[in-house]
Amino acid sequence: LVNAYYKRCYEMSIARSEKYEGNFIEYSYKKENKDNVEIKSLIFLEWNKYKEECFERKVYVPFDKPFPEIKENQMVTYFTQGNFLVSYEIQEKGE
């Protein structure tokens, strides 16, 4: 599992990340396995402009790492690669 974790980190460093924006809903402490890395999830509510409806997006964090400190309903801009969190920024109200 250690090799899988470092492989994922390497892939994140060279691959293109995707930018998203959503309202934070909750933390999911359920241990899952994604690409041989044990993960937990952040759950965001996003707007799909093509379907004109909201949907939930799970963003993965390695299970042994702490969750980012995000409060419920905060608007967050975040970058992912393969749904793994790369970076995030909490938006101030009015932005």
Protein backbone atom coordinates (compact mmCIF):
# COMPACT_ATOMS: atom_id res chain seq x y z
CA LEU A 1 0.00 0.00 0.00
CA VAL A 2 2.89 2.39 0.63
CA ASN A 3 4.06 2.03 -2.97
CA ALA A 4 0.52 2.65 -4.24
CA TYR A 5 0.32 5.83 -2.15
CA TYR A 6 3.61 7.18 -3.51
CA LYS A 7 2.63 6.19 -7.04
CA ARG A 8 -0.59 8.23 -6.62
CA CYS A 9 1.45 11.20 -5.30
CA TYR A 10 3.77 11.00 -8.31
CA GLU A 11 0.83 10.81 -10.72
CA MET A 12 -0.70 13.87 -9.07
CA SER A 13 2.54 15.81 -9.52
CA ILE A 14 2.71 15.25 -13.29
CA ALA A 15 -0.95 15.00 -14.30
CA ARG A 16 -3.43 17.72 -15.12
CA SER A 17 -5.78 18.57 -12.28
CA GLU A 18 -9.41 19.63 -12.60
CA LYS A 19 -10.89 22.72 -10.97
CA TYR A 20 -14.29 22.55 -9.28
CA GLU A 21 -16.41 24.71 -7.01
CA GLY A 22 -19.02 23.50 -4.56
CA ASN A 23 -20.63 23.80 -1.16
CA PHE A 24 -19.11 21.52 1.43
CA ILE A 25 -21.68 19.10 2.89
CA GLU A 26 -19.89 16.62 5.15
CA TYR A 27 -16.91 14.41 5.94
CA SER A 28 -17.18 10.69 5.26
CA TYR A 29 -14.94 8.67 7.61
CA LYS A 30 -15.83 5.41 5.86
CA LYS A 31 -12.57 3.68 4.88
CA GLU A 32 -12.55 2.78 1.18
CA ASN A 33 -9.91 1.69 -1.30
CA LYS A 34 -9.25 3.65 -4.50
CA ASP A 35 -6.36 2.72 -6.79
CA ASN A 36 -4.85 0.67 -3.92
CA VAL A 37 -4.83 3.68 -1.58
CA GLU A 38 -6.98 3.70 1.57
CA ILE A 39 -9.13 6.82 1.48
CA LYS A 40 -11.88 8.78 3.20
CA SER A 41 -14.03 11.42 1.50
CA LEU A 42 -15.15 15.03 1.51
CA ILE A 43 -18.61 15.46 0.03
CA PHE A 44 -19.49 18.61 -1.92
CA LEU A 45 -22.69 19.80 -3.57
CA GLU A 46 -22.01 21.11 -7.08
CA TRP A 47 -24.13 22.74 -9.75
CA ASN A 48 -24.18 21.08 -13.18
CA LYS A 49 -24.84 23.87 -15.67
CA TYR A 50 -25.62 21.44 -18.51
CA LYS A 51 -28.24 19.42 -16.64
CA GLU A 52 -29.28 22.43 -14.54
CA GLU A 53 -29.30 20.47 -11.30
CA CYS A 54 -27.14 19.87 -8.23
CA PHE A 55 -25.23 16.66 -7.56
CA GLU A 56 -22.92 15.32 -4.84
CA ARG A 57 -19.21 14.89 -5.56
CA LYS A 58 -16.93 12.75 -3.41
CA VAL A 59 -13.38 14.06 -3.16
CA TYR A 60 -10.81 11.61 -1.79
CA VAL A 61 -8.26 12.19 0.97
CA PRO A 62 -5.73 9.52 2.06
CA PHE A 63 -7.15 7.81 5.14
CA ASP A 64 -4.09 8.50 7.31
CA LYS A 65 -4.10 12.26 6.53
CA PRO A 66 -6.26 14.78 8.41
CA PHE A 67 -9.29 16.30 6.74
CA PRO A 68 -9.01 19.96 5.72
CA GLU A 69 -10.83 22.22 8.16
CA ILE A 70 -13.94 23.17 6.19
CA LYS A 71 -17.22 24.15 7.79
CA GLU A 72 -20.57 22.89 6.57
CA ASN A 73 -22.04 24.95 3.68
CA GLN A 74 -18.80 26.84 2.97
CA MET A 75 -18.18 27.49 -0.72
CA VAL A 76 -14.86 25.90 -1.74
CA THR A 77 -12.82 26.02 -4.93
CA TYR A 78 -10.76 22.85 -5.18
CA PHE A 79 -8.48 21.01 -7.56
CA THR A 80 -8.53 17.24 -7.95
CA GLN A 81 -6.68 14.66 -9.97
CA GLY A 82 -8.58 11.40 -10.29
CA ASN A 83 -10.96 12.72 -7.58
CA PHE A 84 -8.04 12.97 -5.11
CA LEU A 85 -7.81 16.39 -3.45
CA VAL A 86 -4.75 18.32 -4.68
CA SER A 87 -5.50 21.79 -3.24
CA TYR A 88 -8.42 23.90 -2.09
CA GLU A 89 -9.41 27.45 -1.21
CA ILE A 90 -12.35 28.44 0.97
CA GLN A 91 -14.26 31.28 -0.65
CA GLU A 92 -15.18 34.33 1.37
CA LYS A 93 -18.85 35.32 1.33
CA GLY A 94 -19.60 37.69 -1.54
CA GLU A 95 -16.93 36.37 -3.93
